[in-house]
Amino acid sequence: MPAARSVRNRERIGIALGAALGLLLAFVDSRPGFDATGVTAVLLVAAGLVSVLVAGPALALAGSPILATAAWTALVGLWIVIVERSTGSLLALVFAAIGAGAGVLLLRWRHANAEAVDGRDGGFTVR
């Protein structure tokens, strides 16, 4: 059972990291003198990607990559929308989705390749 505990711990760390990075970005972006939208966008992509990769293997086996991406997008990007309260801040969700989606696809691709190397049938399946 130590392996299962390790996976759960990685999930928890990934969730905490995603929420913390999202909150930090929302705080910094809401400061009066901060006007670096490009930096915020790049950091949102990075935060989504890193938090998904930290959470790791459980996402590779998740039933729907679209739902996994949506959940991580909300976890990372929704904080800016809540703090800013403007329609322009909805664009933060797009950048968080790019990072989270890239992370989910990378994990699924890695899992599919690991199965192919092990001799099992790998790849993406349409459900």
C-alpha atoms as a PDB file:
ATOM      1  CA  MET A   1       0.000   0.000   0.000  1.00  0.00           C
ATOM      2  CA  PRO A   2       2.903   2.460   0.191  1.00  0.00           C
ATOM      3  CA  ALA A   3       2.675   2.985  -3.578  1.00  0.00           C
ATOM      4  CA  ALA A   4      -1.019   3.921  -3.348  1.00  0.00           C
ATOM      5  CA  ARG A   5      -0.242   6.303  -0.492  1.00  0.00           C
ATOM      6  CA  SER A   6       2.506   7.894  -2.560  1.00  0.00           C
ATOM      7  CA  VAL A   7       0.103   8.466  -5.468  1.00  0.00           C
ATOM      8  CA  ARG A   8      -2.492  10.045  -3.156  1.00  0.00           C
ATOM      9  CA  ASN A   9       0.177  12.282  -1.633  1.00  0.00           C
ATOM     10  CA  ARG A  10       1.272  13.428  -5.100  1.00  0.00           C
ATOM     11  CA  GLU A  11      -2.353  14.227  -5.954  1.00  0.00           C
ATOM     12  CA  ARG A  12      -2.739  16.253  -2.775  1.00  0.00           C
ATOM     13  CA  ILE A  13       0.519  18.104  -3.360  1.00  0.00           C
ATOM     14  CA  GLY A  14      -0.532  18.841  -6.954  1.00  0.00           C
ATOM     15  CA  ILE A  15      -3.914  20.166  -5.826  1.00  0.00           C
ATOM     16  CA  ALA A  16      -2.342  22.314  -3.105  1.00  0.00           C
ATOM     17  CA  LEU A  17       0.314  23.591  -5.509  1.00  0.00           C
ATOM     18  CA  GLY A  18      -2.271  24.459  -8.176  1.00  0.00           C
ATOM     19  CA  ALA A  19      -4.475  26.318  -5.705  1.00  0.00           C
ATOM     20  CA  ALA A  20      -1.513  28.126  -4.139  1.00  0.00           C
ATOM     21  CA  LEU A  21      -0.071  29.195  -7.492  1.00  0.00           C
ATOM     22  CA  GLY A  22      -3.498  30.358  -8.664  1.00  0.00           C
ATOM     23  CA  LEU A  23      -4.038  32.380  -5.492  1.00  0.00           C
ATOM     24  CA  LEU A  24      -0.556  33.870  -5.696  1.00  0.00           C
ATOM     25  CA  LEU A  25      -1.050  34.889  -9.319  1.00  0.00           C
ATOM     26  CA  ALA A  26      -4.453  36.404  -8.481  1.00  0.00           C
ATOM     27  CA  PHE A  27      -2.921  38.377  -5.628  1.00  0.00           C
ATOM     28  CA  VAL A  28      -0.025  39.684  -7.723  1.00  0.00           C
ATOM     29  CA  ASP A  29      -2.258  40.437 -10.720  1.00  0.00           C
ATOM     30  CA  SER A  30      -4.688  42.440  -8.580  1.00  0.00           C
ATOM     31  CA  ARG A  31      -2.014  44.802  -7.211  1.00  0.00           C
ATOM     32  CA  PRO A  32      -2.538  48.424  -8.329  1.00  0.00           C
ATOM     33  CA  GLY A  33       0.854  48.897  -9.992  1.00  0.00           C
ATOM     34  CA  PHE A  34       1.052  45.521 -11.741  1.00  0.00           C
ATOM     35  CA  ASP A  35       0.373  45.685 -15.461  1.00  0.00           C
ATOM     36  CA  ALA A  36       2.203  42.749 -17.051  1.00  0.00           C
ATOM     37  CA  THR A  37      -0.519  40.711 -18.707  1.00  0.00           C
ATOM     38  CA  GLY A  38       1.951  38.678 -20.756  1.00  0.00           C
ATOM     39  CA  VAL A  39       3.836  37.621 -17.642  1.00  0.00           C
ATOM     40  CA  THR A  40       0.589  36.605 -15.959  1.00  0.00           C
ATOM     41  CA  ALA A  41      -0.441  34.587 -19.018  1.00  0.00           C
ATOM     42  CA  VAL A  42       2.863  32.711 -19.175  1.00  0.00           C
ATOM     43  CA  LEU A  43       2.782  32.041 -15.439  1.00  0.00           C
ATOM     44  CA  LEU A  44      -0.791  30.710 -15.683  1.00  0.00           C
ATOM     45  CA  VAL A  45       0.273  28.262 -18.405  1.00  0.00           C
ATOM     46  CA  ALA A  46       3.270  27.207 -16.300  1.00  0.00           C
ATOM     47  CA  ALA A  47       1.182  26.879 -13.123  1.00  0.00           C
ATOM     48  CA  GLY A  48      -1.386  24.681 -14.856  1.00  0.00           C
ATOM     49  CA  LEU A  49       1.295  22.487 -16.410  1.00  0.00           C
ATOM     50  CA  VAL A  50       3.433  22.121 -13.283  1.00  0.00           C
ATOM     51  CA  SER A  51       0.540  21.387 -10.922  1.00  0.00           C
ATOM     52  CA  VAL A  52      -0.806  18.677 -13.259  1.00  0.00           C
ATOM     53  CA  LEU A  53       2.632  17.095 -13.669  1.00  0.00           C
ATOM     54  CA  VAL A  54       3.184  17.093  -9.907  1.00  0.00           C
ATOM     55  CA  ALA A  55      -0.173  15.372  -9.362  1.00  0.00           C
ATOM     56  CA  GLY A  56       1.030  12.810 -11.861  1.00  0.00           C
ATOM     57  CA  PRO A  57       0.003   9.265 -12.597  1.00  0.00           C
ATOM     58  CA  ALA A  58      -3.605   9.363 -11.437  1.00  0.00           C
ATOM     59  CA  LEU A  59      -4.399  11.857 -14.184  1.00  0.00           C
ATOM     60  CA  ALA A  60      -2.946   9.530 -16.806  1.00  0.00           C
ATOM     61  CA  LEU A  61      -5.651   7.023 -15.923  1.00  0.00           C
ATOM     62  CA  ALA A  62      -8.472   9.535 -15.495  1.00  0.00           C
ATOM     63  CA  GLY A  63     -11.566   8.655 -17.469  1.00  0.00           C
ATOM     64  CA  SER A  64     -11.923  11.899 -19.394  1.00  0.00           C
ATOM     65  CA  PRO A  65      -8.990  14.150 -20.272  1.00  0.00           C
ATOM     66  CA  ILE A  66     -11.437  16.981 -20.938  1.00  0.00           C
ATOM     67  CA  LEU A  67     -12.906  16.807 -17.432  1.00  0.00           C
ATOM     68  CA  ALA A  68      -9.442  16.545 -15.889  1.00  0.00           C
ATOM     69  CA  THR A  69      -8.323  19.602 -17.844  1.00  0.00           C
ATOM     70  CA  ALA A  70     -11.454  21.527 -16.838  1.00  0.00           C
ATOM     71  CA  ALA A  71     -10.939  20.711 -13.158  1.00  0.00           C
ATOM     72  CA  TRP A  72      -7.303  21.825 -13.179  1.00  0.00           C
ATOM     73  CA  THR A  73      -8.196  24.934 -15.189  1.00  0.00           C
ATOM     74  CA  ALA A  74     -10.701  25.957 -12.525  1.00  0.00           C
ATOM     75  CA  LEU A  75      -8.247  25.135  -9.742  1.00  0.00           C
ATOM     76  CA  VAL A  76      -5.515  27.368 -11.161  1.00  0.00           C
ATOM     77  CA  GLY A  77      -7.275  30.071 -13.190  1.00  0.00           C
ATOM     78  CA  LEU A  78     -10.561  30.735 -11.439  1.00  0.00           C
ATOM     79  CA  TRP A  79      -8.875  32.698  -8.647  1.00  0.00           C
ATOM     80  CA  ILE A  80      -8.018  35.563 -11.000  1.00  0.00           C
ATOM     81  CA  VAL A  81     -11.615  35.703 -12.239  1.00  0.00           C
ATOM     82  CA  ILE A  82     -12.900  35.817  -8.648  1.00  0.00           C
ATOM     83  CA  VAL A  83     -10.468  38.515  -7.547  1.00  0.00           C
ATOM     84  CA  GLU A  84     -10.611  40.716 -10.661  1.00  0.00           C
ATOM     85  CA  ARG A  85     -14.382  40.439 -11.284  1.00  0.00           C
ATOM     86  CA  SER A  86     -14.169  41.564 -14.892  1.00  0.00           C
ATOM     87  CA  THR A  87     -14.981  39.912 -18.189  1.00  0.00           C
ATOM     88  CA  GLY A  88     -11.395  40.416 -19.361  1.00  0.00           C
ATOM     89  CA  SER A  89     -10.156  38.231 -16.534  1.00  0.00           C
ATOM     90  CA  LEU A  90     -12.007  35.259 -18.070  1.00  0.00           C
ATOM     91  CA  LEU A  91      -9.062  35.048 -20.446  1.00  0.00           C
ATOM     92  CA  ALA A  92      -7.075  33.725 -17.476  1.00  0.00           C
ATOM     93  CA  LEU A  93      -9.067  30.504 -17.791  1.00  0.00           C
ATOM     94  CA  VAL A  94      -7.884  30.075 -21.373  1.00  0.00           C
ATOM     95  CA  PHE A  95      -4.226  30.271 -20.376  1.00  0.00           C
ATOM     96  CA  ALA A  96      -4.716  27.986 -17.373  1.00  0.00           C
ATOM     97  CA  ALA A  97      -6.502  25.518 -19.693  1.00  0.00           C
ATOM     98  CA  ILE A  98      -3.580  25.545 -22.133  1.00  0.00           C
ATOM     99  CA  GLY A  99      -1.170  24.581 -19.354  1.00  0.00           C
ATOM    100  CA  ALA A 100      -3.465  22.041 -17.712  1.00  0.00           C
ATOM    101  CA  GLY A 101      -4.412  20.502 -21.057  1.00  0.00           C
ATOM    102  CA  ALA A 102      -0.784  20.184 -22.067  1.00  0.00           C
ATOM    103  CA  GLY A 103      -0.003  18.496 -18.757  1.00  0.00           C
ATOM    104  CA  VAL A 104      -2.899  16.042 -19.034  1.00  0.00           C
ATOM    105  CA  LEU A 105      -1.996  15.164 -22.633  1.00  0.00           C
ATOM    106  CA  LEU A 106       1.662  14.738 -21.699  1.00  0.00           C
ATOM    107  CA  LEU A 107       0.783  12.385 -18.853  1.00  0.00           C
ATOM    108  CA  ARG A 108      -1.589  10.360 -21.042  1.00  0.00           C
ATOM    109  CA  TRP A 109       1.012  10.163 -23.829  1.00  0.00           C
ATOM    110  CA  ARG A 110       3.664   9.029 -21.348  1.00  0.00           C
ATOM    111  CA  HIS A 111       1.305   6.399 -19.909  1.00  0.00           C
ATOM    112  CA  ALA A 112       0.410   5.133 -23.392  1.00  0.00           C
ATOM    113  CA  ASN A 113       4.090   4.835 -24.322  1.00  0.00           C
ATOM    114  CA  ALA A 114       4.882   3.012 -21.082  1.00  0.00           C
ATOM    115  CA  GLU A 115       2.167   0.470 -21.878  1.00  0.00           C
ATOM    116  CA  ALA A 116       3.528   0.019 -25.416  1.00  0.00           C
ATOM    117  CA  VAL A 117       7.026  -0.639 -24.049  1.00  0.00           C
ATOM    118  CA  ASP A 118       5.621  -3.131 -21.537  1.00  0.00           C
ATOM    119  CA  GLY A 119       3.945  -5.027 -24.379  1.00  0.00           C
ATOM    120  CA  ARG A 120       0.413  -4.023 -23.503  1.00  0.00           C
ATOM    121  CA  ASP A 121      -1.877  -2.241 -25.892  1.00  0.00           C
ATOM    122  CA  GLY A 122      -1.447   1.492 -25.305  1.00  0.00           C
ATOM    123  CA  GLY A 123      -2.716   4.667 -26.838  1.00  0.00           C
ATOM    124  CA  PHE A 124      -5.648   6.969 -26.546  1.00  0.00           C
ATOM    125  CA  THR A 125      -9.108   5.492 -26.573  1.00  0.00           C
ATOM    126  CA  VAL A 126     -12.319   7.214 -27.531  1.00  0.00           C
ATOM    127  CA  ARG A 127     -15.167   6.528 -25.148  1.00  0.00           C
END
